[in-house]
Amino acid sequence: MKNLKLIAVLGLGFMTIQSCSKQSELCECTDMATEMMKGDREHNFDGTFQKEYVEKHKAEEAKCKKIYEGNNDKASQEKMRKEMKECSGYEEFKEETIKSMENLKKQMPGLSKEIDESIKELRAE
């Protein structure tokens, strides 16, 4: 469950990254998040893939964390999300985020309503 929370936090964090033009750092971070979520899903969300992936990609992860640190206000997040949508891998990122959120909903039924709303918003994009 702790890993699921980390996935959700990383997903939201990656949505707060600032710039995206061509294959920018934002787009690279988006692709990295997609790969991590997809691998984790393929391993039944047991956390093993995520742990190994983060260990292999420490430098990239640190770069991505640095990019989105401090961008917690709603206006900045919306601006960054808009820019993120320009990345070529955004649609796959969005689909993997939805799949991860659906799994999180199973693990945390008390948050089902909020998770469903987030999923609905993602699908509406």
N, C-alpha and C. Protein backbone atom coordinates (compact mmCIF):
# COMPACT_ATOMS: atom_id res chain seq x y z
N MET A 1 0.83 -1.18 0.00
CA MET A 1 0.00 0.00 0.00
C MET A 1 0.88 1.25 0.00
N LYS A 2 2.00 1.19 0.70
CA LYS A 2 2.92 2.32 0.72
C LYS A 2 3.42 2.61 -0.70
N ASN A 3 3.68 1.55 -1.47
CA ASN A 3 4.13 1.72 -2.85
C ASN A 3 3.05 2.34 -3.71
N LEU A 4 1.82 1.99 -3.45
CA LEU A 4 0.71 2.58 -4.22
C LEU A 4 0.61 4.07 -3.95
N LYS A 5 0.80 4.46 -2.71
CA LYS A 5 0.79 5.88 -2.39
C LYS A 5 1.93 6.59 -3.09
N LEU A 6 3.11 5.94 -3.14
CA LEU A 6 4.25 6.53 -3.81
C LEU A 6 3.96 6.71 -5.30
N ILE A 7 3.31 5.72 -5.90
CA ILE A 7 2.94 5.83 -7.32
C ILE A 7 2.02 7.02 -7.52
N ALA A 8 1.03 7.15 -6.66
CA ALA A 8 0.09 8.27 -6.78
C ALA A 8 0.81 9.60 -6.62
N VAL A 9 1.70 9.67 -5.63
CA VAL A 9 2.44 10.92 -5.39
C VAL A 9 3.34 11.22 -6.58
N LEU A 10 4.04 10.20 -7.09
CA LEU A 10 4.90 10.42 -8.24
C LEU A 10 4.09 10.87 -9.45
N GLY A 11 2.95 10.22 -9.65
CA GLY A 11 2.09 10.60 -10.77
C GLY A 11 1.67 12.06 -10.67
N LEU A 12 1.25 12.46 -9.49
CA LEU A 12 0.86 13.86 -9.30
C LEU A 12 2.06 14.79 -9.42
N GLY A 13 3.18 14.32 -8.91
CA GLY A 13 4.39 15.13 -9.00
C GLY A 13 4.81 15.35 -10.44
N PHE A 14 4.74 14.29 -11.23
CA PHE A 14 5.12 14.42 -12.63
C PHE A 14 4.16 15.35 -13.36
N MET A 15 2.95 15.46 -12.88
CA MET A 15 1.99 16.38 -13.51
C MET A 15 2.31 17.83 -13.18
N THR A 16 3.19 18.04 -12.21
CA THR A 16 3.50 19.41 -11.81
C THR A 16 4.80 19.92 -12.41
N ILE A 17 5.38 19.17 -13.30
CA ILE A 17 6.66 19.56 -13.89
C ILE A 17 6.47 20.73 -14.86
N GLN A 18 7.48 21.61 -14.99
CA GLN A 18 7.27 22.89 -15.65
C GLN A 18 7.26 22.91 -17.16
N SER A 19 8.24 22.44 -17.87
CA SER A 19 8.29 22.76 -19.30
C SER A 19 8.25 21.52 -20.17
N CYS A 20 7.72 21.69 -21.38
CA CYS A 20 7.68 20.58 -22.32
C CYS A 20 7.76 21.10 -23.74
N SER A 21 8.87 20.91 -24.37
CA SER A 21 9.01 21.23 -25.79
C SER A 21 9.87 20.14 -26.40
N LYS A 22 9.36 19.54 -27.44
CA LYS A 22 10.00 18.38 -28.07
C LYS A 22 10.18 17.33 -26.99
N GLN A 23 11.40 16.77 -26.85
CA GLN A 23 11.64 15.77 -25.81
C GLN A 23 12.36 16.46 -24.66
N SER A 24 11.65 17.34 -23.98
CA SER A 24 12.20 18.10 -22.86
C SER A 24 12.40 17.19 -21.65
N GLU A 25 12.96 17.76 -20.61
CA GLU A 25 13.11 17.02 -19.37
C GLU A 25 11.75 16.60 -18.83
N LEU A 26 10.76 17.45 -18.97
CA LEU A 26 9.40 17.11 -18.54
C LEU A 26 8.93 15.85 -19.26
N CYS A 27 9.11 15.82 -20.57
CA CYS A 27 8.67 14.66 -21.34
C CYS A 27 9.46 13.40 -20.96
N GLU A 28 10.75 13.57 -20.70
CA GLU A 28 11.56 12.43 -20.26
C GLU A 28 11.05 11.91 -18.91
N CYS A 29 10.70 12.82 -18.02
CA CYS A 29 10.17 12.42 -16.72
C CYS A 29 8.80 11.75 -16.85
N THR A 30 8.01 12.24 -17.78
CA THR A 30 6.70 11.64 -18.04
C THR A 30 6.89 10.21 -18.54
N ASP A 31 7.81 10.03 -19.46
CA ASP A 31 8.09 8.69 -19.99
C ASP A 31 8.61 7.77 -18.89
N MET A 32 9.44 8.30 -18.02
CA MET A 32 9.98 7.51 -16.91
C MET A 32 8.86 7.09 -15.96
N ALA A 33 7.97 8.00 -15.65
CA ALA A 33 6.85 7.68 -14.76
C ALA A 33 5.95 6.63 -15.40
N THR A 34 5.74 6.74 -16.70
CA THR A 34 4.91 5.76 -17.41
C THR A 34 5.54 4.38 -17.33
N GLU A 35 6.83 4.32 -17.59
CA GLU A 35 7.54 3.04 -17.54
C GLU A 35 7.47 2.42 -16.14
N MET A 36 7.62 3.26 -15.12
CA MET A 36 7.57 2.77 -13.75
C MET A 36 6.17 2.26 -13.39
N MET A 37 5.15 3.00 -13.75
CA MET A 37 3.78 2.57 -13.44
C MET A 37 3.41 1.30 -14.20
N LYS A 38 3.81 1.24 -15.47
CA LYS A 38 3.51 0.06 -16.29
C LYS A 38 4.20 -1.18 -15.72
N GLY A 39 5.48 -1.04 -15.39
CA GLY A 39 6.22 -2.16 -14.81
C GLY A 39 5.64 -2.60 -13.48
N ASP A 40 5.26 -1.65 -12.67
CA ASP A 40 4.68 -1.97 -11.37
C ASP A 40 3.35 -2.71 -11.55
N ARG A 41 2.54 -2.25 -12.52
CA ARG A 41 1.27 -2.93 -12.80
C ARG A 41 1.51 -4.35 -13.29
N GLU A 42 2.50 -4.53 -14.16
CA GLU A 42 2.80 -5.87 -14.69
C GLU A 42 3.32 -6.81 -13.61
N HIS A 43 3.79 -6.26 -12.52
CA HIS A 43 4.25 -7.06 -11.37
C HIS A 43 3.22 -7.03 -10.25
N ASN A 44 1.96 -6.85 -10.61
CA ASN A 44 0.83 -6.88 -9.66
C ASN A 44 0.98 -5.88 -8.51
N PHE A 45 1.58 -4.76 -8.79
CA PHE A 45 1.71 -3.68 -7.81
C PHE A 45 2.36 -4.14 -6.50
N ASP A 46 3.30 -5.09 -6.61
CA ASP A 46 3.95 -5.58 -5.40
C ASP A 46 5.14 -4.74 -4.95
N GLY A 47 5.52 -3.75 -5.74
CA GLY A 47 6.59 -2.84 -5.37
C GLY A 47 7.98 -3.27 -5.79
N THR A 48 8.14 -4.50 -6.23
CA THR A 48 9.48 -4.97 -6.59
C THR A 48 10.03 -4.25 -7.81
N PHE A 49 9.20 -4.08 -8.83
CA PHE A 49 9.68 -3.41 -10.03
C PHE A 49 10.05 -1.96 -9.73
N GLN A 50 9.20 -1.29 -9.02
CA GLN A 50 9.43 0.11 -8.70
C GLN A 50 10.75 0.29 -7.94
N LYS A 51 10.99 -0.57 -6.97
CA LYS A 51 12.21 -0.49 -6.17
C LYS A 51 13.44 -0.67 -7.05
N GLU A 52 13.41 -1.68 -7.91
CA GLU A 52 14.54 -1.94 -8.80
C GLU A 52 14.71 -0.80 -9.81
N TYR A 53 13.62 -0.31 -10.34
CA TYR A 53 13.66 0.75 -11.35
C TYR A 53 14.27 2.03 -10.76
N VAL A 54 13.81 2.41 -9.60
CA VAL A 54 14.31 3.62 -8.95
C VAL A 54 15.80 3.47 -8.64
N GLU A 55 16.21 2.28 -8.22
CA GLU A 55 17.62 2.04 -7.93
C GLU A 55 18.47 2.21 -9.19
N LYS A 56 17.98 1.71 -10.32
CA LYS A 56 18.71 1.79 -11.59
C LYS A 56 18.75 3.22 -12.14
N HIS A 57 17.73 4.00 -11.84
CA HIS A 57 17.58 5.32 -12.44
C HIS A 57 17.61 6.44 -11.40
N LYS A 58 18.53 6.32 -10.45
CA LYS A 58 18.61 7.32 -9.37
C LYS A 58 18.82 8.73 -9.89
N ALA A 59 19.72 8.89 -10.83
CA ALA A 59 20.03 10.23 -11.33
C ALA A 59 18.83 10.85 -12.02
N GLU A 60 18.15 10.06 -12.86
CA GLU A 60 16.97 10.58 -13.56
C GLU A 60 15.86 10.92 -12.58
N GLU A 61 15.67 10.06 -11.58
CA GLU A 61 14.63 10.32 -10.58
C GLU A 61 14.93 11.61 -9.82
N ALA A 62 16.19 11.80 -9.46
CA ALA A 62 16.56 13.02 -8.73
C ALA A 62 16.31 14.25 -9.60
N LYS A 63 16.63 14.14 -10.90
CA LYS A 63 16.39 15.26 -11.82
C LYS A 63 14.90 15.58 -11.89
N CYS A 64 14.08 14.55 -11.99
CA CYS A 64 12.63 14.77 -12.09
C CYS A 64 12.07 15.37 -10.80
N LYS A 65 12.52 14.88 -9.66
CA LYS A 65 12.06 15.45 -8.40
C LYS A 65 12.43 16.92 -8.29
N LYS A 66 13.64 17.24 -8.73
CA LYS A 66 14.10 18.62 -8.67
C LYS A 66 13.25 19.52 -9.56
N ILE A 67 12.85 19.01 -10.71
CA ILE A 67 12.06 19.80 -11.66
C ILE A 67 10.72 20.20 -11.05
N TYR A 68 10.06 19.28 -10.36
CA TYR A 68 8.71 19.62 -9.88
C TYR A 68 8.63 20.06 -8.43
N GLU A 69 9.75 20.07 -7.71
CA GLU A 69 9.73 20.53 -6.32
C GLU A 69 9.22 21.96 -6.20
N GLY A 70 8.39 22.19 -5.24
CA GLY A 70 7.93 23.54 -4.95
C GLY A 70 6.78 24.03 -5.80
N ASN A 71 6.27 23.22 -6.69
CA ASN A 71 5.16 23.63 -7.56
C ASN A 71 3.87 22.98 -7.07
N ASN A 72 3.42 23.40 -5.90
CA ASN A 72 2.28 22.74 -5.28
C ASN A 72 0.96 23.50 -5.43
N ASP A 73 1.00 24.75 -5.87
CA ASP A 73 -0.26 25.47 -5.97
C ASP A 73 -1.02 25.03 -7.23
N LYS A 74 -2.32 25.16 -7.16
CA LYS A 74 -3.21 24.65 -8.21
C LYS A 74 -2.95 25.31 -9.56
N ALA A 75 -2.70 26.59 -9.59
CA ALA A 75 -2.45 27.30 -10.85
C ALA A 75 -1.20 26.77 -11.55
N SER A 76 -0.14 26.56 -10.78
CA SER A 76 1.11 26.02 -11.36
C SER A 76 0.90 24.60 -11.86
N GLN A 77 0.16 23.81 -11.10
CA GLN A 77 -0.10 22.43 -11.51
C GLN A 77 -0.89 22.39 -12.82
N GLU A 78 -1.89 23.24 -12.95
CA GLU A 78 -2.67 23.27 -14.18
C GLU A 78 -1.84 23.72 -15.38
N LYS A 79 -0.99 24.71 -15.16
CA LYS A 79 -0.12 25.19 -16.23
C LYS A 79 0.83 24.07 -16.68
N MET A 80 1.40 23.38 -15.72
CA MET A 80 2.33 22.31 -16.04
C MET A 80 1.64 21.12 -16.69
N ARG A 81 0.44 20.82 -16.24
CA ARG A 81 -0.32 19.73 -16.85
C ARG A 81 -0.60 20.05 -18.32
N LYS A 82 -0.94 21.30 -18.59
CA LYS A 82 -1.20 21.73 -19.97
C LYS A 82 0.06 21.52 -20.82
N GLU A 83 1.19 21.92 -20.29
CA GLU A 83 2.45 21.74 -21.01
C GLU A 83 2.79 20.26 -21.17
N MET A 84 2.49 19.48 -20.17
CA MET A 84 2.76 18.05 -20.20
C MET A 84 1.97 17.34 -21.30
N LYS A 85 0.78 17.84 -21.56
CA LYS A 85 -0.07 17.24 -22.59
C LYS A 85 0.57 17.30 -23.97
N GLU A 86 1.55 18.17 -24.15
CA GLU A 86 2.25 18.29 -25.42
C GLU A 86 3.29 17.19 -25.63
N CYS A 87 3.62 16.46 -24.59
CA CYS A 87 4.60 15.38 -24.69
C CYS A 87 4.02 14.21 -25.48
N SER A 88 4.85 13.59 -26.29
CA SER A 88 4.39 12.50 -27.14
C SER A 88 3.89 11.30 -26.33
N GLY A 89 4.42 11.09 -25.14
CA GLY A 89 4.02 9.95 -24.32
C GLY A 89 2.92 10.24 -23.32
N TYR A 90 2.28 11.40 -23.43
CA TYR A 90 1.29 11.78 -22.43
C TYR A 90 0.08 10.85 -22.39
N GLU A 91 -0.43 10.44 -23.52
CA GLU A 91 -1.61 9.56 -23.54
C GLU A 91 -1.34 8.24 -22.82
N GLU A 92 -0.17 7.67 -23.06
CA GLU A 92 0.19 6.43 -22.37
C GLU A 92 0.35 6.68 -20.87
N PHE A 93 0.96 7.81 -20.53
CA PHE A 93 1.10 8.19 -19.13
C PHE A 93 -0.28 8.29 -18.47
N LYS A 94 -1.20 8.94 -19.15
CA LYS A 94 -2.55 9.12 -18.62
C LYS A 94 -3.23 7.77 -18.40
N GLU A 95 -3.11 6.86 -19.36
CA GLU A 95 -3.73 5.54 -19.24
C GLU A 95 -3.12 4.73 -18.09
N GLU A 96 -1.82 4.79 -17.95
CA GLU A 96 -1.16 4.08 -16.84
C GLU A 96 -1.54 4.70 -15.51
N THR A 97 -1.69 6.02 -15.46
CA THR A 97 -2.11 6.69 -14.23
C THR A 97 -3.51 6.22 -13.84
N ILE A 98 -4.40 6.13 -14.81
CA ILE A 98 -5.77 5.66 -14.54
C ILE A 98 -5.74 4.23 -14.01
N LYS A 99 -4.95 3.36 -14.63
CA LYS A 99 -4.86 1.96 -14.17
C LYS A 99 -4.31 1.89 -12.75
N SER A 100 -3.31 2.71 -12.45
CA SER A 100 -2.75 2.73 -11.10
C SER A 100 -3.77 3.25 -10.09
N MET A 101 -4.54 4.25 -10.49
CA MET A 101 -5.56 4.80 -9.60
C MET A 101 -6.68 3.79 -9.36
N GLU A 102 -7.04 3.04 -10.39
CA GLU A 102 -8.06 2.00 -10.21
C GLU A 102 -7.59 0.94 -9.22
N ASN A 103 -6.31 0.59 -9.28
CA ASN A 103 -5.77 -0.35 -8.31
C ASN A 103 -5.73 0.27 -6.92
N LEU A 104 -5.35 1.52 -6.83
CA LEU A 104 -5.32 2.22 -5.55
C LEU A 104 -6.70 2.24 -4.91
N LYS A 105 -7.71 2.40 -5.74
CA LYS A 105 -9.09 2.42 -5.24
C LYS A 105 -9.44 1.09 -4.57
N LYS A 106 -8.95 -0.02 -5.12
CA LYS A 106 -9.18 -1.33 -4.51
C LYS A 106 -8.48 -1.44 -3.17
N GLN A 107 -7.30 -0.83 -3.07
CA GLN A 107 -6.52 -0.90 -1.85
C GLN A 107 -7.01 0.06 -0.77
N MET A 108 -7.65 1.14 -1.21
CA MET A 108 -8.10 2.17 -0.28
C MET A 108 -9.55 2.54 -0.58
N PRO A 109 -10.48 1.65 -0.27
CA PRO A 109 -11.88 1.90 -0.62
C PRO A 109 -12.46 3.17 0.01
N GLY A 110 -11.90 3.61 1.08
CA GLY A 110 -12.37 4.85 1.72
C GLY A 110 -12.14 6.08 0.86
N LEU A 111 -11.24 5.98 -0.09
CA LEU A 111 -10.95 7.10 -0.97
C LEU A 111 -11.56 6.93 -2.36
N SER A 112 -12.45 5.95 -2.50
CA SER A 112 -13.04 5.64 -3.80
C SER A 112 -13.66 6.83 -4.49
N LYS A 113 -14.40 7.63 -3.75
CA LYS A 113 -15.10 8.77 -4.35
C LYS A 113 -14.09 9.76 -4.94
N GLU A 114 -13.06 10.09 -4.19
CA GLU A 114 -12.05 11.03 -4.66
C GLU A 114 -11.27 10.46 -5.84
N ILE A 115 -10.94 9.19 -5.76
CA ILE A 115 -10.19 8.53 -6.85
C ILE A 115 -11.05 8.48 -8.10
N ASP A 116 -12.33 8.14 -7.96
CA ASP A 116 -13.23 8.12 -9.12
C ASP A 116 -13.32 9.49 -9.78
N GLU A 117 -13.36 10.54 -8.97
CA GLU A 117 -13.41 11.89 -9.52
C GLU A 117 -12.15 12.22 -10.29
N SER A 118 -11.00 11.83 -9.75
CA SER A 118 -9.73 12.06 -10.45
C SER A 118 -9.66 11.29 -11.76
N ILE A 119 -10.14 10.05 -11.73
CA ILE A 119 -10.17 9.23 -12.95
C ILE A 119 -11.08 9.87 -13.99
N LYS A 120 -12.23 10.34 -13.53
CA LYS A 120 -13.18 10.99 -14.44
C LYS A 120 -12.55 12.22 -15.09
N GLU A 121 -11.85 13.01 -14.31
CA GLU A 121 -11.19 14.21 -14.85
C GLU A 121 -10.12 13.85 -15.87
N LEU A 122 -9.33 12.82 -15.58
CA LEU A 122 -8.31 12.38 -16.54
C LEU A 122 -8.93 11.90 -17.85
N ARG A 123 -9.97 11.12 -17.74
CA ARG A 123 -10.62 10.60 -18.94
C ARG A 123 -11.25 11.71 -19.78
N ALA A 124 -11.67 12.77 -19.13
CA ALA A 124 -12.32 13.88 -19.83
C ALA A 124 -11.33 14.75 -20.61
N GLU A 125 -10.07 14.64 -20.32
CA GLU A 125 -9.05 15.47 -21.00
C GLU A 125 -9.00 15.16 -22.48
